[in-house]
Protein backbone atom coordinates (compact mmCIF):
# COMPACT_ATOMS: atom_id res chain seq x y z
CA UNK A 1 26.88 32.88 153.66
CA UNK A 2 30.45 33.93 152.97
CA UNK A 3 31.02 37.67 152.47
CA UNK A 4 34.03 39.44 150.96
CA UNK A 5 34.70 43.04 152.02
CA UNK A 6 37.14 45.03 149.91
CA UNK A 7 39.16 47.87 151.43
CA UNK A 8 41.62 48.69 154.18
CA UNK A 9 40.55 51.93 155.87
CA UNK A 10 38.50 53.11 158.81
CA UNK A 11 35.34 52.92 156.73
CA UNK A 12 36.00 49.25 156.04
CA UNK A 13 36.80 48.52 159.69
CA UNK A 14 33.41 50.00 160.64
CA UNK A 15 31.68 47.94 157.93
CA UNK A 16 33.49 44.77 159.03
CA UNK A 17 32.51 45.36 162.66
CA UNK A 18 28.86 45.77 161.73
CA UNK A 19 28.80 42.99 159.10
CA UNK A 20 30.26 40.55 161.65
CA UNK A 21 27.04 41.07 163.65
CA UNK A 22 24.80 40.15 160.68
CA UNK A 23 22.52 37.13 160.64
CA UNK A 24 24.03 36.33 157.25
CA UNK A 25 27.14 35.20 159.11
CA UNK A 26 25.36 33.39 161.95
CA UNK A 27 25.67 29.80 160.71
CA UNK A 28 28.68 27.59 161.50
CA UNK A 29 31.14 27.87 158.64
CA UNK A 30 29.98 31.33 157.50
CA UNK A 31 33.01 33.51 156.94
CA UNK A 32 33.74 37.19 156.51
CA UNK A 33 36.83 37.85 154.41
CA UNK A 34 38.54 41.22 153.94
CA UNK A 35 41.03 42.23 151.29
CA UNK A 36 43.47 43.59 152.16
CA UNK A 37 42.02 44.72 155.51
CA UNK A 38 44.09 46.08 158.40
CA UNK A 39 44.98 44.99 161.97
CA UNK A 40 41.64 46.25 163.31
CA UNK A 41 39.62 44.49 160.62
CA UNK A 42 41.48 41.29 161.49
CA UNK A 43 39.46 41.17 164.72
CA UNK A 44 36.30 40.57 162.67
CA UNK A 45 37.38 39.02 159.37
CA UNK A 46 39.96 36.72 157.80
CA UNK A 47 42.41 38.90 155.88
CA UNK A 48 43.31 37.83 152.36
CA UNK A 49 45.77 39.21 149.84
CA UNK A 50 43.86 40.18 146.71
CA UNK A 51 44.76 42.68 144.03
CA UNK A 52 41.40 44.38 143.39
CA UNK A 53 42.72 45.77 140.10
CA UNK A 54 43.04 42.17 138.89
CA UNK A 55 39.37 41.42 138.33
CA UNK A 56 40.04 37.83 137.34
CA UNK A 57 41.75 37.02 140.64
CA UNK A 58 38.83 38.48 142.59
CA UNK A 59 36.34 36.43 140.56
CA UNK A 60 38.38 33.27 141.11
CA UNK A 61 38.56 33.93 144.84
CA UNK A 62 34.79 34.36 144.99
CA UNK A 63 34.29 31.07 143.18
CA UNK A 64 36.81 29.20 145.32
CA UNK A 65 35.40 30.50 148.62
CA UNK A 66 31.74 30.45 147.55
CA UNK A 67 31.29 34.14 148.24
CA UNK A 68 27.61 35.08 148.43
CA UNK A 69 28.09 38.85 148.62
CA UNK A 70 30.92 41.24 147.83
CA UNK A 71 30.92 44.62 149.58
CA UNK A 72 33.12 47.18 147.84
CA UNK A 73 34.25 49.80 150.35
CA UNK A 74 36.35 52.37 148.43
CA UNK A 75 35.43 54.23 145.28
CA UNK A 76 38.35 53.37 143.00
CA UNK A 77 37.38 49.71 142.34
CA UNK A 78 33.82 50.83 141.59
CA UNK A 79 34.94 53.44 139.08
CA UNK A 80 37.23 50.75 137.63
CA UNK A 81 34.23 48.49 136.97
CA UNK A 82 34.90 45.70 139.45
CA UNK A 83 31.20 45.45 140.32
CA UNK A 84 30.38 44.92 136.62
CA UNK A 85 32.92 42.10 136.33
CA UNK A 86 31.62 40.37 139.44
CA UNK A 87 27.97 40.66 138.39
CA UNK A 88 28.84 39.25 134.97
CA UNK A 89 30.33 36.27 136.81
CA UNK A 90 27.12 35.78 138.80
CA UNK A 91 28.42 37.26 142.07
CA UNK A 92 26.14 39.54 144.09
CA UNK A 93 27.68 42.93 144.79
CA UNK A 94 26.89 45.89 147.02
CA UNK A 95 28.12 48.84 144.98
CA UNK A 96 27.33 50.57 141.69
CA UNK A 97 28.48 49.77 138.18
CA UNK A 98 31.27 51.76 136.55
CA UNK A 99 28.70 53.74 134.58
CA UNK A 100 26.73 54.61 137.72
CA UNK A 101 29.91 55.35 139.71
CA UNK A 102 30.52 58.29 137.38
CA UNK A 103 28.41 60.20 139.91
CA UNK A 104 31.60 60.33 141.97
CA UNK A 105 34.21 59.63 139.32
CA UNK A 106 33.30 62.65 137.18
CA UNK A 107 32.23 65.99 138.62
CA UNK A 108 31.24 67.10 135.14
CA UNK A 109 29.01 64.06 134.56
CA UNK A 110 27.13 64.78 137.78
CA UNK A 111 26.71 68.48 137.09
CA UNK A 112 25.33 67.74 133.62
CA UNK A 113 22.91 65.18 135.08
CA UNK A 114 21.71 67.76 137.61
CA UNK A 115 21.15 70.27 134.83
CA UNK A 116 19.08 67.79 132.80
CA UNK A 117 17.04 66.55 135.77
CA UNK A 118 16.47 69.95 137.39
CA UNK A 119 18.34 68.98 140.56
CA UNK A 120 19.28 72.05 142.64
CA UNK A 121 23.03 72.64 142.63
CA UNK A 122 25.54 75.44 142.04
CA UNK A 123 25.90 77.06 138.64
CA UNK A 124 28.98 75.77 136.81
CA UNK A 125 31.09 75.48 133.68
CA UNK A 126 33.29 72.59 132.50
CA UNK A 127 36.72 73.47 131.12
CA UNK A 128 39.29 71.24 129.44
CA UNK A 129 42.40 73.40 129.37
CA UNK A 130 44.02 76.12 131.44
CA UNK A 131 43.39 78.88 128.91
CA UNK A 132 39.64 78.26 128.85
CA UNK A 133 39.59 77.92 132.63
CA UNK A 134 41.23 81.30 133.16
CA UNK A 135 38.76 82.89 130.80
CA UNK A 136 35.83 81.19 132.53
CA UNK A 137 36.80 82.75 135.86
CA UNK A 138 35.47 86.04 134.50
CA UNK A 139 31.96 84.65 134.83
CA UNK A 140 32.30 83.99 138.54
CA UNK A 141 32.84 86.06 141.67
CA UNK A 142 35.23 85.26 144.50
CA UNK A 143 35.48 82.97 146.31
CA UNK A 144 36.00 80.54 143.44
CA UNK A 145 35.09 76.85 143.75
CA UNK A 146 37.37 74.65 141.63
CA UNK A 147 36.99 70.88 141.30
CA UNK A 148 39.36 68.50 139.54
CA UNK A 149 37.28 66.09 137.47
CA UNK A 150 38.34 62.72 138.83
CA UNK A 151 39.00 60.74 141.98
CA UNK A 152 41.07 62.73 144.46
CA UNK A 153 40.57 61.00 147.83
CA UNK A 154 38.42 63.87 149.05
CA UNK A 155 41.10 66.48 148.32
CA UNK A 156 40.34 67.57 144.74
CA UNK A 157 38.36 70.69 145.66
CA UNK A 158 39.86 74.14 146.14
CA UNK A 159 37.98 77.21 147.38
CA UNK A 160 40.13 80.11 146.25
CA UNK A 161 39.54 83.40 148.04
CA UNK A 162 40.89 85.59 145.24
CA UNK A 163 41.72 85.50 141.55
CA UNK A 164 45.45 84.88 142.02
CA UNK A 165 44.85 81.83 144.22
CA UNK A 166 42.28 80.53 141.73
CA UNK A 167 44.69 80.83 138.82
CA UNK A 168 47.43 79.05 140.76
CA UNK A 169 45.07 76.22 141.77
CA UNK A 170 43.87 75.80 138.19
CA UNK A 171 47.48 75.46 137.07
CA UNK A 172 48.02 72.71 139.62
CA UNK A 173 44.83 70.94 138.59
CA UNK A 174 45.72 70.83 134.93
CA UNK A 175 49.16 69.56 135.91
CA UNK A 176 47.39 66.58 137.53
CA UNK A 177 48.61 67.36 141.06
CA UNK A 178 45.24 66.73 142.72
CA UNK A 179 44.21 63.44 141.14
CA UNK A 180 45.51 60.39 139.34
CA UNK A 181 46.41 61.77 135.93
CA UNK A 182 46.84 58.22 134.62
CA UNK A 183 43.07 57.79 134.92
CA UNK A 184 42.49 60.86 132.78
CA UNK A 185 41.75 62.96 135.82
CA UNK A 186 43.04 66.48 135.67
CA UNK A 187 42.13 66.68 131.99
CA UNK A 188 39.01 68.62 132.98
CA UNK A 189 38.01 71.00 135.75
CA UNK A 190 34.60 72.16 136.95
CA UNK A 191 34.31 75.79 138.08
CA UNK A 192 31.28 76.47 140.29
CA UNK A 193 29.59 79.39 141.93
CA UNK A 194 30.17 79.59 145.66
CA UNK A 195 27.15 78.50 147.70
CA UNK A 196 26.54 80.00 151.13
CA UNK A 197 25.20 77.85 153.93
CA UNK A 198 26.06 74.94 156.19
CA UNK A 199 27.20 71.60 154.80
CA UNK A 200 25.68 68.28 155.78
CA UNK A 201 25.69 64.73 154.45
CA UNK A 202 22.66 62.64 153.53
CA UNK A 203 22.87 58.91 152.85
CA UNK A 204 20.46 56.63 151.01
CA UNK A 205 20.44 52.99 149.98
CA UNK A 206 19.00 52.11 146.60
CA UNK A 207 18.69 49.09 144.33
CA UNK A 208 18.16 51.28 141.31
CA UNK A 209 14.41 51.64 141.83
CA UNK A 210 13.57 51.78 145.53
CA UNK A 211 15.23 54.25 147.89
CA UNK A 212 15.77 54.00 151.65
CA UNK A 213 16.98 56.92 153.74
CA UNK A 214 20.10 55.88 155.64
CA UNK A 215 21.02 58.62 158.05
CA UNK A 216 22.74 61.99 158.17
CA UNK A 217 26.09 63.31 159.33
CA UNK A 218 28.34 66.34 159.40
CA UNK A 219 32.08 66.12 158.96
CA UNK A 220 35.10 68.41 159.35
CA UNK A 221 37.24 68.58 156.22
CA UNK A 222 39.90 71.11 157.18
CA UNK A 223 42.99 69.86 158.95
CA UNK A 224 43.10 72.65 161.53
CA UNK A 225 40.86 73.67 164.39
CA UNK A 226 38.29 76.30 163.60
CA UNK A 227 38.06 74.77 160.11
CA UNK A 228 41.40 76.20 159.00
CA UNK A 229 44.14 74.84 156.76
CA UNK A 230 43.95 72.57 153.71
CA UNK A 231 41.16 70.13 152.97
CA UNK A 232 41.61 66.52 154.04
CA UNK A 233 39.64 63.33 153.62
CA UNK A 234 37.96 64.24 156.92
CA UNK A 235 39.20 64.92 160.46
CA UNK A 236 36.04 63.93 162.31
CA UNK A 237 32.28 63.60 162.03
CA UNK A 238 29.09 63.17 163.98
CA UNK A 239 25.67 61.68 163.31
CA UNK A 240 22.85 62.56 163.15
CA UNK A 241 23.10 66.08 161.76
CA UNK A 242 20.31 68.02 163.51
CA UNK A 243 20.50 70.77 160.89
CA UNK A 244 19.06 68.23 158.44
CA UNK A 245 15.65 68.25 160.10
CA UNK A 246 12.67 66.29 158.82
CA UNK A 247 11.64 69.02 156.37
CA UNK A 248 15.11 69.31 154.85
CA UNK A 249 15.52 65.52 154.69
CA UNK A 250 12.23 65.33 152.84
CA UNK A 251 13.37 68.04 150.42
CA UNK A 252 16.67 66.26 149.83
CA UNK A 253 14.92 62.98 149.05
CA UNK A 254 12.28 64.51 146.81
CA UNK A 255 14.34 67.10 144.92
CA UNK A 256 17.84 65.54 144.85
CA UNK A 257 18.09 61.81 145.62
CA UNK A 258 14.92 60.53 143.91
CA UNK A 259 15.42 62.51 140.66
CA UNK A 260 19.01 61.26 140.51
CA UNK A 261 18.00 57.62 140.88
CA UNK A 262 15.29 58.06 138.23
CA UNK A 263 17.64 59.84 135.85
CA UNK A 264 20.27 57.13 136.19
CA UNK A 265 17.71 54.38 135.54
CA UNK A 266 16.30 56.27 132.55
CA UNK A 267 19.83 56.58 131.14
CA UNK A 268 20.29 52.81 131.31
CA UNK A 269 22.76 52.91 134.18
CA UNK A 270 20.69 52.09 137.30
CA UNK A 271 22.45 52.96 140.54
CA UNK A 272 22.72 50.22 143.18
CA UNK A 273 24.43 50.64 146.53
CA UNK A 274 24.79 53.58 148.87
CA UNK A 275 24.37 57.08 147.46
CA UNK A 276 26.05 59.74 149.57
CA UNK A 277 24.92 63.29 148.88
CA UNK A 278 26.99 66.19 150.13
CA UNK A 279 24.51 69.02 150.62
CA UNK A 280 24.68 72.75 151.12
CA UNK A 281 21.81 74.02 153.23
CA UNK A 282 21.09 77.34 151.56
CA UNK A 283 18.34 79.90 152.09
CA UNK A 284 16.68 78.37 149.01
CA UNK A 285 16.75 74.86 150.48
CA UNK A 286 19.23 71.97 150.20
CA UNK A 287 21.45 71.98 147.12
CA UNK A 288 23.77 69.24 145.94
CA UNK A 289 27.49 69.86 146.35
CA UNK A 290 28.60 66.46 145.06
CA UNK A 291 27.90 62.74 145.21
CA UNK A 292 30.00 59.88 146.52
CA UNK A 293 29.33 56.34 145.36
CA UNK A 294 30.34 54.76 148.69
CA UNK A 295 30.01 55.41 152.40
CA UNK A 296 31.94 58.45 153.55
CA UNK A 297 35.02 58.19 155.70
CA UNK A 298 34.71 59.05 158.61
CA UNK A 299 30.93 59.41 158.17
CA UNK A 300 30.54 55.64 157.84
CA UNK A 301 32.01 55.14 161.28
CA UNK A 302 29.40 57.27 163.03
CA UNK A 303 26.57 55.74 160.99
CA UNK A 304 27.66 52.22 161.94
CA UNK A 305 27.93 53.23 165.61
CA UNK A 306 24.20 54.13 165.52
CA UNK A 307 22.84 51.49 163.12
CA UNK A 308 20.50 48.97 164.75
CA UNK A 309 19.33 47.19 161.59
CA UNK A 310 21.15 44.22 160.07
CA UNK A 311 23.66 45.78 157.67
CA UNK A 312 24.32 42.56 155.79
CA UNK A 313 20.65 41.97 155.06
CA UNK A 314 20.17 45.53 153.81
CA UNK A 315 23.19 45.24 151.53
CA UNK A 316 21.98 41.90 150.19
CA UNK A 317 18.53 43.36 149.52
CA UNK A 318 20.17 46.08 147.40
CA UNK A 319 22.26 43.51 145.55
CA UNK A 320 19.18 41.37 144.84
CA UNK A 321 16.95 44.29 143.76
CA UNK A 322 14.43 43.76 146.56
CA UNK A 323 15.03 46.76 148.79
CA UNK A 324 11.32 47.65 148.60
CA UNK A 325 10.56 44.58 150.74
CA UNK A 326 12.96 45.61 153.51
CA UNK A 327 11.98 47.49 156.66
CA UNK A 328 13.30 51.03 156.98
CA UNK A 329 16.77 51.24 158.50
CA UNK A 330 16.67 51.73 162.28
CA UNK A 331 19.17 53.92 164.12
CA UNK A 332 19.79 54.65 167.78
CA UNK A 333 18.56 58.02 168.99
CA UNK A 334 22.04 58.58 170.43
CA UNK A 335 24.64 60.76 168.78
CA UNK A 336 27.86 59.17 167.54
CA UNK A 337 31.03 61.23 167.09
CA UNK A 338 34.41 60.21 165.72
CA UNK A 339 37.77 61.95 166.06
CA UNK A 340 40.43 61.22 163.46
CA UNK A 341 43.96 60.74 164.79
CA UNK A 342 46.33 61.45 161.92
CA UNK A 343 50.07 61.05 161.43
CA UNK A 344 52.20 64.17 161.66
CA UNK A 345 52.52 65.75 158.23
CA UNK A 346 49.04 64.86 157.02
CA UNK A 347 47.52 65.86 154.60
CA UNK A 348 50.94 66.38 153.03
CA UNK A 349 53.52 63.64 153.58
CA UNK A 350 52.48 61.72 156.71
CA UNK A 351 55.08 60.31 159.06
CA UNK A 352 54.75 56.54 158.90
CA UNK A 353 56.03 54.01 161.40
CA UNK A 354 55.07 55.80 164.60
CA UNK A 355 54.27 53.38 167.40
CA UNK A 356 50.73 53.26 168.77
CA UNK A 357 49.67 51.90 172.15
CA UNK A 358 45.92 51.44 172.68
CA UNK A 359 44.14 50.87 175.96
CA UNK A 360 43.63 47.15 176.65
CA UNK A 361 39.87 47.58 176.79
CA UNK A 362 37.61 50.10 175.12
CA UNK A 363 35.21 52.01 177.36
CA UNK A 364 31.50 51.33 177.02
CA UNK A 365 30.09 53.13 174.02
CA UNK A 366 33.55 53.61 172.49
CA UNK A 367 34.98 51.92 169.40
CA UNK A 368 38.39 52.60 167.85
CA UNK A 369 38.43 51.94 164.12
CA UNK A 370 41.78 51.41 162.42
CA UNK A 371 42.23 53.56 159.32
CA UNK A 372 45.96 53.51 158.52
CA UNK A 373 47.68 50.99 160.76
CA UNK A 374 50.01 48.02 160.30
CA UNK A 375 52.01 45.59 162.38
CA UNK A 376 55.69 46.45 162.80
CA UNK A 377 58.59 44.02 162.73
CA UNK A 378 58.09 43.27 166.43
CA UNK A 379 54.34 42.88 166.05
CA UNK A 380 53.58 46.27 167.55
CA UNK A 381 50.94 48.56 166.08
CA UNK A 382 52.35 51.36 163.91
CA UNK A 383 51.05 54.19 161.75
CA UNK A 384 50.84 53.28 158.07
CA UNK A 385 48.94 56.15 156.50
CA UNK A 386 47.73 59.71 156.86
CA UNK A 387 44.57 59.13 158.85
CA UNK A 388 45.51 56.42 161.32
CA UNK A 389 42.74 55.91 163.92
CA UNK A 390 39.06 56.86 164.16
CA UNK A 391 38.16 57.18 167.84
CA UNK A 392 34.37 56.91 167.97
CA UNK A 393 31.89 57.21 170.80
CA UNK A 394 28.14 57.34 171.44
CA UNK A 395 26.35 59.68 173.80
CA UNK A 396 23.00 61.31 174.45
CA UNK A 397 24.02 64.33 172.35
CA UNK A 398 27.08 65.75 170.59
CA UNK A 399 28.48 67.22 173.80
CA UNK A 400 28.34 63.88 175.63
CA UNK A 401 29.65 61.87 172.68
CA UNK A 402 32.55 64.27 172.18
CA UNK A 403 33.57 64.14 175.82
CA UNK A 404 33.66 60.34 175.71
CA UNK A 405 35.57 60.33 172.40
CA UNK A 406 38.27 62.70 173.63
CA UNK A 407 38.66 60.74 176.85
CA UNK A 408 39.41 57.73 174.64
CA UNK A 409 41.81 59.81 172.52
CA UNK A 410 43.71 60.87 175.62
CA UNK A 411 44.14 57.22 176.67
CA UNK A 412 45.99 56.42 173.41
CA UNK A 413 49.78 56.73 173.22
CA UNK A 414 50.61 57.93 169.70
CA UNK A 415 53.46 60.48 169.98
CA UNK A 416 53.70 61.12 166.22
CA UNK A 417 49.97 61.60 165.85
CA UNK A 418 47.64 64.56 166.18
CA UNK A 419 43.95 65.38 166.05
CA UNK A 420 41.60 68.32 166.05
CA UNK A 421 40.19 69.10 169.48
CA UNK A 422 37.03 70.83 168.26
CA UNK A 423 35.07 68.14 166.42
CA UNK A 424 31.36 68.91 166.63
CA UNK A 425 31.90 72.56 167.55
CA UNK A 426 28.92 73.93 165.62
CA UNK A 427 26.40 71.58 167.18
CA UNK A 428 27.93 71.92 170.65
CA UNK A 429 27.46 75.69 170.38
CA UNK A 430 23.81 75.11 169.45
CA UNK A 431 23.33 72.66 172.30
CA UNK A 432 24.78 75.21 174.73
CA UNK A 433 22.16 77.51 173.35
């Protein structure tokens, strides 16, 4: 079978690495294509130049290359309806329809669904202009949780510690500074009550009817050590998340994931693909923070480091509505941890073009995923984005995995890059006991 993977980040590099190991690509002539990919993905796939916003060109490519499965990595093409166009053309797709992708594309849509389905989440209001938003703040206590209603690359959420900061952030949101205002984002904001607890991520595969648990993770959103500074798309992660024990995983499936899948099917917009639930572990049990309609980044990297099942076959089972006939996903008992190396200036204006020198050979249990890299004029590897490399490692626990990951970080020459040195700090403190 020929497979087309769409995307260019660290998440897609991890998916390409794992898909290249699939039995779906075992026959002579089977090809994995990636559009647009990156220099790391090129080690596993043939890179092609496709404009994913031009649905017709993607459909023609699939017909010309006899693509048997399209895997959509990032969220924007899903919200844009690319999966719908491909399915209408008879192409199998791993990823939800535009209607189902509203679970990520619209914070307000998801909050309203939770309210209808009785899914535990924070109390909220939806506001469509700054005047109403400022008035709505009266119904909440500090700290204030403010979410721009649209795609914001993981940076559309502000937790304001006082009223003045909240009012300033709301002004920015309605000016469209957090999200793509051309998509209508920024026209609405969700204000939520602040939930106390520890955050964790729960992943599930679904074909719209059946659900398969697909691992847990914890990430680090703040740019600075000690979880300080502005939010980013993620500065590191580890999997599994021990705080999501069997009881809490069961609660999350029963009270959050399953009701969501049922509600989406009942509404005529069945969800197919990976459903990523960001959870707050409160004293009252897990509550939904938000959904993503794709694998997280860098959570995907640590999941793929541990996955022992055939990723391609699981994705195809989702695309063909036969997930119920698949064996449960199998993961290594090891911990995987990834450290994000970012370009100086991130998450503001990252410094592009910095030269990167990687070790000739990765250590055992280590994998470096390219997130924002390119080839320079001389063919050397250079930074081409905010988050540049995802240095990932496996170990017996978080402490061991982190040691191995930072040893790999220290072997990389990237003068204009930086990383947090405390990834996994909560779990390491628990392991130290």
